[in-house]
N, C-alpha and C. Protein backbone atom coordinates (compact mmCIF):
# COMPACT_ATOMS: atom_id res chain seq x y z
N LEU A 1 107.12 116.16 104.41
CA LEU A 1 108.49 117.04 104.56
C LEU A 1 109.57 116.09 104.99
N PHE A 2 109.35 115.23 106.01
CA PHE A 2 110.49 114.44 106.40
C PHE A 2 110.88 113.29 105.51
N LEU A 3 109.79 112.83 104.63
CA LEU A 3 110.13 111.99 103.55
C LEU A 3 110.88 112.65 102.47
N ALA A 4 110.60 113.95 102.21
CA ALA A 4 111.28 114.62 101.10
C ALA A 4 112.88 114.96 101.62
N MET A 5 113.10 114.94 102.83
CA MET A 5 114.53 115.13 103.32
C MET A 5 115.34 113.95 102.84
N HIS A 6 114.80 112.75 102.69
CA HIS A 6 115.59 111.59 102.29
C HIS A 6 115.22 110.97 100.89
N TYR A 7 114.41 111.57 100.23
CA TYR A 7 114.05 111.12 98.92
C TYR A 7 114.73 111.80 97.75
N THR A 8 115.09 111.19 96.71
CA THR A 8 115.77 111.71 95.62
C THR A 8 114.99 111.55 94.37
N SER A 9 114.65 112.71 93.65
CA SER A 9 113.78 112.60 92.54
C SER A 9 114.55 112.22 91.20
N ASP A 10 115.36 111.35 91.23
CA ASP A 10 116.15 111.04 90.06
C ASP A 10 115.85 109.60 89.66
N THR A 11 115.76 109.22 88.49
CA THR A 11 115.36 107.90 88.00
C THR A 11 116.27 106.75 88.43
N THR A 12 117.59 107.21 88.61
CA THR A 12 118.52 106.11 89.02
C THR A 12 118.54 105.84 90.40
N THR A 13 118.08 106.74 91.21
CA THR A 13 118.23 106.70 92.77
C THR A 13 116.92 106.68 93.41
N ALA A 14 115.78 107.04 92.76
CA ALA A 14 114.45 107.27 93.54
C ALA A 14 114.04 105.86 94.19
N PHE A 15 114.16 104.77 93.53
CA PHE A 15 113.71 103.39 94.05
C PHE A 15 114.68 103.11 95.31
N SER A 16 115.83 103.18 95.13
CA SER A 16 116.74 102.85 96.26
C SER A 16 116.58 103.91 97.38
N SER A 17 116.24 105.16 97.13
CA SER A 17 116.03 106.14 98.18
C SER A 17 114.87 105.93 99.07
N VAL A 18 113.77 105.26 98.47
CA VAL A 18 112.68 104.81 99.11
C VAL A 18 112.93 103.61 100.06
N ALA A 19 113.87 102.71 99.47
CA ALA A 19 114.29 101.52 100.25
C ALA A 19 115.05 102.08 101.52
N HIS A 20 115.92 103.04 101.14
CA HIS A 20 116.85 103.62 102.30
C HIS A 20 115.91 104.27 103.41
N ILE A 21 114.93 104.92 102.96
CA ILE A 21 113.89 105.53 103.98
C ILE A 21 113.44 104.26 104.94
N CYS A 22 112.93 103.36 104.30
CA CYS A 22 112.22 102.27 104.93
C CYS A 22 113.27 101.47 105.87
N ARG A 23 114.52 101.26 105.39
CA ARG A 23 115.52 100.47 106.11
C ARG A 23 116.46 101.27 106.97
N ASP A 24 116.86 102.42 106.63
CA ASP A 24 117.96 103.17 107.35
C ASP A 24 117.54 104.28 108.23
N VAL A 25 116.63 105.13 107.71
CA VAL A 25 116.12 106.25 108.44
C VAL A 25 115.31 105.94 109.68
N ASN A 26 115.63 106.55 110.75
CA ASN A 26 114.89 106.27 111.96
C ASN A 26 113.35 106.46 111.87
N TYR A 27 112.67 105.41 112.15
CA TYR A 27 111.22 105.40 111.93
C TYR A 27 110.68 105.83 110.59
N GLY A 28 111.54 105.59 109.55
CA GLY A 28 111.32 105.97 108.21
C GLY A 28 110.15 104.97 107.72
N TRP A 29 110.10 103.85 107.94
CA TRP A 29 109.16 102.77 107.59
C TRP A 29 107.76 103.32 107.92
N ILE A 30 107.65 103.74 109.22
CA ILE A 30 106.27 104.05 109.65
C ILE A 30 105.82 105.43 108.99
N ILE A 31 106.77 106.39 108.85
CA ILE A 31 106.45 107.62 108.26
C ILE A 31 106.01 107.31 106.75
N ARG A 32 106.70 106.48 105.99
CA ARG A 32 106.29 106.11 104.72
C ARG A 32 105.05 105.49 104.68
N TYR A 33 104.66 104.53 105.45
CA TYR A 33 103.42 103.77 105.37
C TYR A 33 102.30 104.71 105.93
N MET A 34 102.56 105.48 106.86
CA MET A 34 101.39 106.26 107.35
C MET A 34 101.06 107.38 106.30
N HIS A 35 102.05 107.80 105.56
CA HIS A 35 101.84 108.67 104.33
C HIS A 35 101.04 107.95 103.37
N ALA A 36 101.43 106.84 102.95
CA ALA A 36 100.60 106.14 101.82
C ALA A 36 99.25 105.68 102.22
N ASN A 37 99.15 105.05 103.43
CA ASN A 37 97.77 104.56 103.85
C ASN A 37 96.95 105.70 104.39
N GLY A 38 97.61 106.79 104.92
CA GLY A 38 96.80 107.88 105.43
C GLY A 38 96.24 108.61 104.23
N ALA A 39 96.78 108.64 102.95
CA ALA A 39 96.37 109.15 101.66
C ALA A 39 95.10 108.39 101.38
N SER A 40 95.13 107.03 101.43
CA SER A 40 93.91 106.23 101.13
C SER A 40 92.94 106.50 102.13
N MET A 41 93.16 106.59 103.36
CA MET A 41 92.08 106.95 104.42
C MET A 41 91.53 108.35 104.06
N PHE A 42 92.35 109.31 103.64
CA PHE A 42 91.94 110.72 103.40
C PHE A 42 90.82 110.52 102.14
N PHE A 43 91.10 109.61 101.25
CA PHE A 43 90.06 109.51 100.14
C PHE A 43 88.77 108.85 100.60
N ILE A 44 88.77 108.06 101.54
CA ILE A 44 87.59 107.41 102.11
C ILE A 44 86.84 108.57 102.84
N CYS A 45 87.52 109.39 103.50
CA CYS A 45 86.87 110.59 104.07
C CYS A 45 86.22 111.42 103.06
N LEU A 46 86.94 111.71 102.01
CA LEU A 46 86.56 112.62 100.85
C LEU A 46 85.29 111.99 100.24
N TYR A 47 85.25 110.77 100.03
CA TYR A 47 84.02 109.98 99.36
C TYR A 47 82.88 110.10 100.36
N MET A 48 83.05 109.96 101.63
CA MET A 48 81.97 110.07 102.57
C MET A 48 81.53 111.59 102.62
N HIS A 49 82.44 112.56 102.52
CA HIS A 49 82.13 113.90 102.53
C HIS A 49 81.20 114.31 101.34
N VAL A 50 81.66 113.84 100.11
CA VAL A 50 80.97 114.04 98.80
C VAL A 50 79.54 113.42 98.96
N GLY A 51 79.44 112.07 99.51
CA GLY A 51 78.19 111.44 99.65
C GLY A 51 77.25 112.17 100.38
N ARG A 52 77.64 112.61 101.73
CA ARG A 52 76.78 113.27 102.48
C ARG A 52 76.37 114.67 101.99
N GLY A 53 77.31 115.23 101.14
CA GLY A 53 76.82 116.41 100.32
C GLY A 53 75.75 116.36 99.29
N MET A 54 75.80 115.06 98.67
CA MET A 54 74.89 114.68 97.65
C MET A 54 73.41 114.41 98.41
N TYR A 55 73.55 113.61 99.58
CA TYR A 55 72.34 113.31 100.31
C TYR A 55 71.62 114.50 100.87
N TYR A 56 72.54 115.48 101.36
CA TYR A 56 71.92 116.75 101.92
C TYR A 56 71.56 117.79 100.92
N GLY A 57 71.82 117.49 99.61
CA GLY A 57 71.50 118.55 98.65
C GLY A 57 72.42 119.78 98.72
N SER A 58 73.73 119.57 99.04
CA SER A 58 74.66 120.69 99.16
C SER A 58 75.14 121.29 97.75
N TYR A 59 74.73 120.51 96.65
CA TYR A 59 75.08 120.84 95.39
C TYR A 59 74.35 122.20 94.91
N THR A 60 73.33 122.68 95.83
CA THR A 60 72.68 123.91 95.58
C THR A 60 73.45 125.12 95.94
N PHE A 61 74.53 124.83 96.78
CA PHE A 61 75.58 125.95 97.10
C PHE A 61 76.63 125.85 96.07
N MET A 62 76.34 126.54 95.01
CA MET A 62 77.00 126.49 93.80
C MET A 62 78.57 126.78 93.90
N GLU A 63 78.95 127.93 94.46
CA GLU A 63 80.41 128.14 94.65
C GLU A 63 81.00 127.15 95.55
N THR A 64 80.46 126.80 96.70
CA THR A 64 81.02 125.86 97.58
C THR A 64 81.26 124.52 96.91
N TRP A 65 80.30 123.98 96.23
CA TRP A 65 80.31 122.78 95.55
C TRP A 65 81.40 122.76 94.48
N ASN A 66 81.42 123.89 93.60
CA ASN A 66 82.36 123.75 92.62
C ASN A 66 83.71 123.85 92.87
N ILE A 67 84.11 124.55 94.13
CA ILE A 67 85.36 124.62 94.63
C ILE A 67 85.68 123.21 95.13
N GLY A 68 84.64 122.48 95.80
CA GLY A 68 84.86 121.09 96.26
C GLY A 68 85.23 120.31 95.19
N VAL A 69 84.59 120.36 93.86
CA VAL A 69 85.01 119.49 92.81
C VAL A 69 86.41 119.80 92.36
N ILE A 70 86.76 121.05 92.30
CA ILE A 70 88.16 121.46 92.03
C ILE A 70 89.14 120.76 93.04
N LEU A 71 88.75 120.91 94.33
CA LEU A 71 89.56 120.25 95.30
C LEU A 71 89.68 118.71 95.17
N LEU A 72 88.68 118.07 94.83
CA LEU A 72 88.82 116.64 94.52
C LEU A 72 89.67 116.26 93.52
N PHE A 73 89.64 117.09 92.35
CA PHE A 73 90.47 116.83 91.26
C PHE A 73 92.01 117.10 91.64
N ALA A 74 92.06 118.22 92.47
CA ALA A 74 93.52 118.51 92.92
C ALA A 74 94.17 117.41 93.78
N VAL A 75 93.21 116.77 94.60
CA VAL A 75 93.65 115.83 95.58
C VAL A 75 94.02 114.50 94.70
N MET A 76 93.21 114.16 93.61
CA MET A 76 93.42 113.04 92.81
C MET A 76 94.80 113.20 91.97
N ALA A 77 95.01 114.51 91.53
CA ALA A 77 96.17 114.67 90.87
C ALA A 77 97.41 114.51 91.70
N THR A 78 97.30 115.03 92.98
CA THR A 78 98.42 115.05 93.96
C THR A 78 98.60 113.37 94.26
N ALA A 79 97.65 112.57 94.45
CA ALA A 79 97.83 111.16 94.74
C ALA A 79 98.53 110.44 93.50
N PHE A 80 97.97 110.80 92.33
CA PHE A 80 98.62 110.18 91.11
C PHE A 80 100.05 110.50 91.09
N MET A 81 100.53 111.78 91.30
CA MET A 81 101.99 112.09 91.08
C MET A 81 102.67 111.44 92.27
N GLY A 82 102.16 111.36 93.43
CA GLY A 82 102.73 110.60 94.61
C GLY A 82 103.03 109.13 94.28
N TYR A 83 102.05 108.62 93.69
CA TYR A 83 102.31 107.16 93.24
C TYR A 83 103.42 106.96 92.36
N VAL A 84 103.84 107.90 91.60
CA VAL A 84 104.78 107.64 90.67
C VAL A 84 106.18 107.81 91.28
N LEU A 85 106.33 108.62 92.48
CA LEU A 85 107.53 108.87 92.93
C LEU A 85 108.36 107.72 93.33
N PRO A 86 107.75 106.59 93.98
CA PRO A 86 108.81 105.49 94.27
C PRO A 86 109.50 104.78 93.17
N TRP A 87 108.96 105.11 91.93
CA TRP A 87 109.64 104.65 90.68
C TRP A 87 109.76 103.09 90.77
N GLY A 88 108.72 102.51 91.14
CA GLY A 88 108.53 101.01 90.85
C GLY A 88 107.85 100.82 89.55
N GLN A 89 107.80 99.48 89.20
CA GLN A 89 107.20 99.19 87.97
C GLN A 89 105.74 99.68 87.73
N MET A 90 104.98 99.69 88.76
CA MET A 90 103.65 100.15 88.70
C MET A 90 103.61 101.62 88.60
N SER A 91 104.58 102.22 89.30
CA SER A 91 104.69 103.84 89.25
C SER A 91 104.91 104.22 87.83
N PHE A 92 105.86 103.55 87.16
CA PHE A 92 106.15 103.83 85.64
C PHE A 92 104.95 103.66 84.83
N TRP A 93 104.30 102.35 85.06
CA TRP A 93 103.11 102.00 84.18
C TRP A 93 101.99 103.08 84.39
N GLY A 94 101.80 103.37 85.61
CA GLY A 94 100.62 104.34 85.95
C GLY A 94 100.95 105.79 85.27
N ALA A 95 102.07 106.25 85.37
CA ALA A 95 102.53 107.59 84.85
C ALA A 95 102.34 107.47 83.17
N THR A 96 102.88 106.40 82.65
CA THR A 96 102.69 106.31 81.21
C THR A 96 101.24 106.17 80.79
N VAL A 97 100.42 105.24 81.35
CA VAL A 97 99.10 105.09 80.97
C VAL A 97 98.16 106.33 81.24
N ILE A 98 98.35 106.95 82.43
CA ILE A 98 97.54 108.24 82.62
C ILE A 98 97.87 109.42 81.79
N THR A 99 99.26 109.66 81.68
CA THR A 99 99.60 110.88 80.98
C THR A 99 99.16 110.63 79.45
N ASN A 100 99.25 109.31 78.94
CA ASN A 100 98.92 108.98 77.51
C ASN A 100 97.55 109.29 77.21
N LEU A 101 96.62 109.34 78.11
CA LEU A 101 95.27 109.69 77.92
C LEU A 101 95.04 110.99 77.28
N PHE A 102 96.05 111.99 77.56
CA PHE A 102 95.94 113.29 76.93
C PHE A 102 96.29 113.20 75.50
N SER A 103 96.78 112.15 75.00
CA SER A 103 97.09 112.10 73.54
C SER A 103 95.68 111.87 72.75
N ALA A 104 94.58 111.54 73.43
CA ALA A 104 93.35 111.49 72.82
C ALA A 104 92.78 112.79 72.46
N ILE A 105 93.34 113.81 72.89
CA ILE A 105 92.89 115.16 72.48
C ILE A 105 93.16 115.52 71.17
N PRO A 106 92.18 115.78 70.25
CA PRO A 106 92.54 115.98 68.79
C PRO A 106 93.60 117.18 68.58
N TYR A 107 94.37 116.89 67.53
CA TYR A 107 95.38 117.93 67.14
C TYR A 107 96.50 118.19 68.07
N ILE A 108 96.27 118.57 69.41
CA ILE A 108 97.32 118.94 70.26
C ILE A 108 97.81 117.75 71.12
N GLY A 109 97.09 116.73 71.03
CA GLY A 109 97.33 115.54 72.03
C GLY A 109 98.71 115.23 72.26
N THR A 110 99.32 114.80 71.14
CA THR A 110 100.75 114.33 71.21
C THR A 110 101.70 115.30 71.79
N SER A 111 101.57 116.63 71.28
CA SER A 111 102.40 117.59 71.79
C SER A 111 102.25 117.98 73.29
N LEU A 112 100.88 117.79 73.63
CA LEU A 112 100.57 118.00 75.11
C LEU A 112 101.35 116.95 75.97
N VAL A 113 101.17 115.75 75.52
CA VAL A 113 101.83 114.56 76.30
C VAL A 113 103.24 114.79 76.48
N GLU A 114 103.98 115.12 75.29
CA GLU A 114 105.45 115.27 75.41
C GLU A 114 105.86 116.44 76.16
N TRP A 115 104.87 117.57 76.23
CA TRP A 115 105.29 118.66 77.12
C TRP A 115 105.09 118.34 78.59
N ILE A 116 104.07 117.43 78.89
CA ILE A 116 103.87 116.95 80.24
C ILE A 116 105.09 116.09 80.74
N TRP A 117 105.48 115.32 79.79
CA TRP A 117 106.63 114.34 79.98
C TRP A 117 108.02 115.18 80.14
N GLY A 118 108.15 116.24 79.45
CA GLY A 118 109.27 116.98 79.32
C GLY A 118 110.27 116.17 78.42
N GLY A 119 109.75 115.44 77.57
CA GLY A 119 110.61 114.60 76.58
C GLY A 119 109.84 113.60 75.69
N PHE A 120 110.34 112.64 75.27
CA PHE A 120 109.55 111.71 74.41
C PHE A 120 109.22 110.27 75.14
N SER A 121 109.44 110.29 76.51
CA SER A 121 108.91 109.25 77.34
C SER A 121 108.89 109.71 78.75
N VAL A 122 108.19 108.89 79.57
CA VAL A 122 108.20 109.19 81.01
C VAL A 122 109.74 108.86 81.52
N ASP A 123 110.40 109.97 82.05
CA ASP A 123 111.81 109.93 82.31
C ASP A 123 112.18 110.81 83.47
N LYS A 124 113.33 111.03 83.49
CA LYS A 124 113.87 111.96 84.63
C LYS A 124 113.21 113.27 84.86
N ALA A 125 113.01 113.85 83.73
CA ALA A 125 112.21 115.19 83.76
C ALA A 125 110.92 115.14 84.37
N THR A 126 110.26 113.97 83.95
CA THR A 126 108.82 113.77 84.35
C THR A 126 108.86 113.54 85.93
N LEU A 127 109.74 112.59 86.40
CA LEU A 127 109.82 112.34 87.86
C LEU A 127 110.20 113.55 88.71
N THR A 128 111.15 114.53 88.20
CA THR A 128 111.43 115.75 88.99
C THR A 128 110.34 116.63 89.01
N ARG A 129 109.54 116.88 87.99
CA ARG A 129 108.39 117.82 87.99
C ARG A 129 107.22 117.17 88.76
N PHE A 130 107.06 115.79 88.87
CA PHE A 130 106.04 115.25 89.49
C PHE A 130 106.32 115.46 91.06
N PHE A 131 107.65 115.32 91.34
CA PHE A 131 107.88 115.41 92.83
C PHE A 131 107.63 116.91 93.27
N ALA A 132 107.98 117.86 92.47
CA ALA A 132 107.71 119.26 92.65
C ALA A 132 106.31 119.51 92.87
N PHE A 133 105.43 119.02 91.93
CA PHE A 133 104.04 119.33 91.97
C PHE A 133 103.40 118.48 93.21
N HIS A 134 103.87 117.30 93.43
CA HIS A 134 103.36 116.63 94.67
C HIS A 134 103.53 117.26 95.90
N PHE A 135 104.71 118.05 95.97
CA PHE A 135 105.02 118.88 97.11
C PHE A 135 104.26 120.18 97.32
N ILE A 136 103.92 120.73 96.24
CA ILE A 136 103.28 122.09 96.27
C ILE A 136 101.70 121.92 96.33
N LEU A 137 101.15 120.89 95.72
CA LEU A 137 99.81 120.79 95.55
C LEU A 137 99.03 120.78 96.85
N PRO A 138 99.55 120.03 97.91
CA PRO A 138 98.86 120.05 99.19
C PRO A 138 98.66 121.49 99.74
N PHE A 139 99.60 122.37 99.54
CA PHE A 139 99.43 123.75 100.04
C PHE A 139 98.37 124.45 99.24
N ILE A 140 98.39 124.15 97.98
CA ILE A 140 97.30 124.80 97.18
C ILE A 140 95.90 124.27 97.61
N ILE A 141 95.80 122.89 97.85
CA ILE A 141 94.63 122.27 98.35
C ILE A 141 94.23 122.99 99.76
N ALA A 142 95.15 123.20 100.58
CA ALA A 142 94.88 123.81 101.95
C ALA A 142 94.20 125.27 101.74
N ALA A 143 94.78 126.01 100.81
CA ALA A 143 94.22 127.34 100.46
C ALA A 143 92.88 127.19 99.93
N LEU A 144 92.63 126.25 99.06
CA LEU A 144 91.39 126.13 98.42
C LEU A 144 90.38 125.60 99.49
N ALA A 145 90.78 124.86 100.46
CA ALA A 145 89.87 124.41 101.50
C ALA A 145 89.36 125.54 102.25
N MET A 146 90.26 126.64 102.46
CA MET A 146 89.78 127.77 103.23
C MET A 146 88.80 128.47 102.42
N VAL A 147 88.98 128.68 101.07
CA VAL A 147 87.97 129.31 100.24
C VAL A 147 86.68 128.54 100.23
N HIS A 148 86.79 127.16 100.23
CA HIS A 148 85.72 126.27 100.36
C HIS A 148 84.82 126.62 101.64
N LEU A 149 85.45 126.80 102.74
CA LEU A 149 84.83 127.16 104.00
C LEU A 149 84.28 128.56 103.91
N LEU A 150 84.92 129.41 103.31
CA LEU A 150 84.58 130.82 103.17
C LEU A 150 83.21 130.96 102.59
N PHE A 151 83.06 130.16 101.37
CA PHE A 151 81.83 130.27 100.72
C PHE A 151 80.65 129.59 101.53
N LEU A 152 81.09 128.46 102.22
CA LEU A 152 80.01 127.69 102.88
C LEU A 152 79.47 128.65 104.08
N HIS A 153 80.34 129.50 104.56
CA HIS A 153 79.89 130.43 105.67
C HIS A 153 79.01 131.54 105.19
N GLU A 154 79.04 131.80 103.88
CA GLU A 154 78.03 132.72 103.20
C GLU A 154 76.64 132.26 103.48
N THR A 155 76.40 130.86 103.41
CA THR A 155 75.04 130.30 103.40
C THR A 155 74.79 129.51 104.70
N GLY A 156 75.88 128.94 105.36
CA GLY A 156 75.69 128.15 106.33
C GLY A 156 75.36 126.77 105.93
N SER A 157 75.44 125.69 106.68
CA SER A 157 75.17 124.27 106.24
C SER A 157 73.70 124.04 106.24
N ASN A 158 73.40 122.89 105.79
CA ASN A 158 71.83 122.66 105.67
C ASN A 158 71.60 121.21 106.26
N ASN A 159 70.32 120.68 106.12
CA ASN A 159 69.97 119.40 106.79
C ASN A 159 68.84 118.79 105.83
N PRO A 160 68.60 117.44 105.98
CA PRO A 160 67.72 116.87 104.95
C PRO A 160 66.29 117.27 104.97
N THR A 161 65.81 118.03 106.10
CA THR A 161 64.48 118.46 106.15
C THR A 161 64.36 119.77 105.37
N GLY A 162 65.39 120.51 105.02
CA GLY A 162 65.45 121.70 104.41
C GLY A 162 64.75 122.85 105.15
N ILE A 163 64.61 122.64 106.43
CA ILE A 163 64.12 123.85 107.27
C ILE A 163 65.23 124.24 108.18
N SER A 164 64.99 125.35 108.72
CA SER A 164 66.05 125.95 109.70
C SER A 164 66.21 125.08 110.78
N SER A 165 67.58 124.93 111.26
CA SER A 165 67.89 124.15 112.28
C SER A 165 68.33 124.93 113.55
N ASP A 166 67.99 126.04 113.50
CA ASP A 166 68.29 127.05 114.71
C ASP A 166 67.79 126.51 115.99
N THR A 167 66.50 125.98 115.97
CA THR A 167 66.05 125.41 117.22
C THR A 167 66.75 124.23 117.79
N ASP A 168 67.46 123.56 116.93
CA ASP A 168 68.04 122.30 117.38
C ASP A 168 69.43 122.51 117.76
N LYS A 169 70.02 123.70 117.68
CA LYS A 169 71.48 123.96 117.86
C LYS A 169 71.78 123.72 119.26
N ILE A 170 73.00 123.19 119.48
CA ILE A 170 73.47 122.86 120.77
C ILE A 170 74.91 123.45 120.84
N PRO A 171 75.53 123.75 122.09
CA PRO A 171 76.82 124.32 122.17
C PRO A 171 77.93 123.42 121.41
N PHE A 172 78.73 124.13 120.82
CA PHE A 172 79.80 123.41 120.09
C PHE A 172 80.73 122.56 120.97
N HIS A 173 81.08 123.25 122.10
CA HIS A 173 81.84 122.46 123.26
C HIS A 173 81.00 122.42 124.41
N PRO A 174 80.94 121.19 125.03
CA PRO A 174 81.65 120.10 124.72
C PRO A 174 81.24 119.03 123.86
N TYR A 175 79.89 119.25 123.28
CA TYR A 175 79.27 118.21 122.50
C TYR A 175 80.04 117.78 121.14
N TYR A 176 80.22 118.79 120.33
CA TYR A 176 80.80 118.54 119.02
C TYR A 176 82.37 118.20 119.22
N THR A 177 82.97 118.96 120.17
CA THR A 177 84.41 118.76 120.36
C THR A 177 84.68 117.30 120.60
N ILE A 178 83.88 116.65 121.60
CA ILE A 178 84.00 115.37 121.94
C ILE A 178 83.78 114.32 120.87
N LYS A 179 82.61 114.67 120.19
CA LYS A 179 82.22 113.85 118.99
C LYS A 179 83.42 113.67 117.97
N ASP A 180 83.98 114.89 117.72
CA ASP A 180 84.99 115.05 116.69
C ASP A 180 86.30 114.40 117.08
N ILE A 181 86.60 114.47 118.48
CA ILE A 181 87.98 113.89 119.03
C ILE A 181 87.71 112.30 118.84
N LEU A 182 86.45 111.96 119.17
CA LEU A 182 86.32 110.35 119.22
C LEU A 182 86.26 109.92 117.65
N GLY A 183 85.78 110.70 116.78
CA GLY A 183 85.85 110.33 115.42
C GLY A 183 87.40 110.29 114.98
N ALA A 184 87.97 111.25 115.24
CA ALA A 184 89.50 111.25 114.87
C ALA A 184 90.30 110.13 115.39
N LEU A 185 90.03 109.81 116.77
CA LEU A 185 90.73 108.74 117.43
C LEU A 185 90.45 107.45 116.76
N LEU A 186 89.12 107.17 116.19
CA LEU A 186 88.74 105.89 115.62
C LEU A 186 89.27 105.80 114.26
N LEU A 187 89.50 106.98 113.62
CA LEU A 187 90.05 106.94 112.24
C LEU A 187 91.67 106.67 112.57
N ILE A 188 92.16 107.25 113.41
CA ILE A 188 93.70 107.00 113.75
C ILE A 188 93.99 105.53 114.03
N LEU A 189 93.01 105.08 114.74
CA LEU A 189 93.00 103.55 115.19
C LEU A 189 93.02 102.71 113.96
N ALA A 190 91.90 103.07 113.09
CA ALA A 190 91.97 102.08 111.85
C ALA A 190 93.12 102.33 111.02
N LEU A 191 93.61 103.52 110.94
CA LEU A 191 94.89 103.75 110.16
C LEU A 191 96.04 103.00 110.59
N MET A 192 96.22 102.96 111.96
CA MET A 192 97.48 102.52 112.64
C MET A 192 97.29 100.90 112.57
N LEU A 193 96.12 100.38 112.63
CA LEU A 193 95.93 98.92 112.56
C LEU A 193 96.41 98.47 111.15
N LEU A 194 96.02 99.36 110.10
CA LEU A 194 96.48 98.92 108.82
C LEU A 194 98.06 99.17 108.59
N VAL A 195 98.44 100.29 109.06
CA VAL A 195 99.92 100.47 108.94
C VAL A 195 100.77 99.45 109.63
N LEU A 196 100.27 99.16 110.77
CA LEU A 196 101.20 98.23 111.72
C LEU A 196 100.98 96.79 111.51
N PHE A 197 99.85 96.34 110.78
CA PHE A 197 99.61 94.94 110.64
C PHE A 197 99.76 94.55 109.22
N THR A 198 99.18 95.36 108.24
CA THR A 198 99.00 94.97 106.87
C THR A 198 99.44 96.28 106.05
N PRO A 199 100.60 96.76 106.09
CA PRO A 199 101.02 98.09 105.60
C PRO A 199 100.73 98.11 103.90
N ASP A 200 101.08 96.85 103.40
CA ASP A 200 101.08 96.68 101.97
C ASP A 200 99.77 96.21 101.31
N LEU A 201 98.72 96.21 102.23
CA LEU A 201 97.38 95.63 101.78
C LEU A 201 96.92 96.36 100.56
N LEU A 202 96.97 97.63 100.57
CA LEU A 202 96.52 98.35 99.49
C LEU A 202 97.53 98.54 98.32
N GLY A 203 98.69 98.30 98.61
CA GLY A 203 99.77 98.41 97.46
C GLY A 203 99.73 97.35 96.49
N ASP A 204 100.75 97.47 95.47
CA ASP A 204 100.94 96.33 94.45
C ASP A 204 102.33 95.77 94.54
N PRO A 205 102.26 94.49 94.59
CA PRO A 205 103.61 93.90 94.68
C PRO A 205 104.69 94.26 93.49
N ASP A 206 104.01 94.49 92.34
CA ASP A 206 104.74 94.79 91.26
C ASP A 206 105.55 96.14 91.42
N ASN A 207 105.15 96.94 92.37
CA ASN A 207 105.87 98.37 92.65
C ASN A 207 107.09 98.06 93.51
N TYR A 208 107.35 96.85 93.95
CA TYR A 208 108.61 96.58 94.70
C TYR A 208 109.60 96.01 93.67
N THR A 209 109.27 96.09 92.28
CA THR A 209 110.30 95.95 91.24
C THR A 209 110.55 97.28 90.60
N PRO A 210 112.02 97.60 90.56
CA PRO A 210 112.41 98.86 89.94
C PRO A 210 111.82 99.05 88.58
N ALA A 211 111.47 100.27 88.27
CA ALA A 211 110.88 100.62 86.98
C ALA A 211 111.79 100.10 85.81
N ASN A 212 111.24 99.61 84.92
CA ASN A 212 111.94 99.09 83.64
C ASN A 212 110.99 99.41 82.55
N PRO A 213 111.39 100.52 81.69
CA PRO A 213 110.54 101.02 80.54
C PRO A 213 110.45 99.95 79.47
N LEU A 214 111.21 98.79 79.54
CA LEU A 214 111.00 97.92 78.38
C LEU A 214 110.09 96.66 78.82
N ASN A 215 109.63 96.75 80.11
CA ASN A 215 108.79 95.68 80.53
C ASN A 215 107.43 96.22 80.90
N THR A 216 106.41 95.31 80.54
CA THR A 216 105.03 95.69 81.22
C THR A 216 104.96 94.92 82.46
N PRO A 217 104.41 95.53 83.64
CA PRO A 217 104.15 94.93 84.80
C PRO A 217 103.58 93.47 84.68
N PRO A 218 104.06 92.40 85.20
CA PRO A 218 103.65 91.07 84.80
C PRO A 218 102.20 90.84 85.05
N HIS A 219 101.56 91.36 86.05
CA HIS A 219 100.02 91.19 86.18
C HIS A 219 99.23 91.79 85.14
N ILE A 220 99.64 92.85 84.34
CA ILE A 220 98.95 93.63 83.51
C ILE A 220 98.98 92.82 82.11
N LYS A 221 97.74 92.69 81.62
CA LYS A 221 97.69 91.95 80.24
C LYS A 221 97.19 92.92 79.29
N PRO A 222 98.02 93.42 78.47
CA PRO A 222 97.62 94.70 77.53
C PRO A 222 96.47 94.38 76.67
N GLU A 223 96.18 92.98 76.29
CA GLU A 223 95.22 92.72 75.37
C GLU A 223 93.84 93.02 76.02
N TRP A 224 93.70 93.07 77.36
CA TRP A 224 92.49 93.29 77.95
C TRP A 224 91.89 94.65 77.69
N TYR A 225 92.88 95.73 77.15
CA TYR A 225 92.46 96.92 76.83
C TYR A 225 91.67 96.93 75.66
N PHE A 226 91.67 95.87 74.79
CA PHE A 226 90.95 95.74 73.66
C PHE A 226 89.37 95.75 73.91
N LEU A 227 89.09 95.44 75.19
CA LEU A 227 87.59 95.37 75.62
C LEU A 227 86.98 96.70 75.61
N PHE A 228 87.83 97.80 75.77
CA PHE A 228 87.31 99.09 75.64
C PHE A 228 87.49 99.92 74.43
């Protein structure tokens, strides 16, 4: 929300508005890097969550699992559109490559891609709609997460032994509350170490070059795509 107050979703000003957030807005740099690296940390949490779901056989809870799959796709879509917003060279490249995958759909592919773009290339219309979707999708994700929990509460959770865990149950407070607070603090510690010491570790240097539709990002070698 605070980033959106200072960001402009226009191809001519998007890149400089992100620079403005980092340089001129009070604590804008830390908000920006917590937002970017926090998203990466969120994905680590999601992968761990999916992993324990597979280990515990939670895929047998059909509705819960399928909503979880939809949630994962929604978060991936949100992250993709968020990566496009700074309008650096990698933002433009990513937007072009990923949206172009839809052109592989027979018959309707090309029309579909141009419909997503809002024109004949990734341009102002694309950036504006990506900003709108990047803002609204997290609210849809929050609503879906509640439905995810609703269906989980139909069955209750499970454990690797597959037998009732009623005999092992302990009071939620203080045991689980302390465990969860400790876990949250450790995650925040890891995030802040990344944000404050190496904020660009997971980023790409090419995204600090403003988007130029006539250039391929220097480290991308298009001929490598022939391997696939």
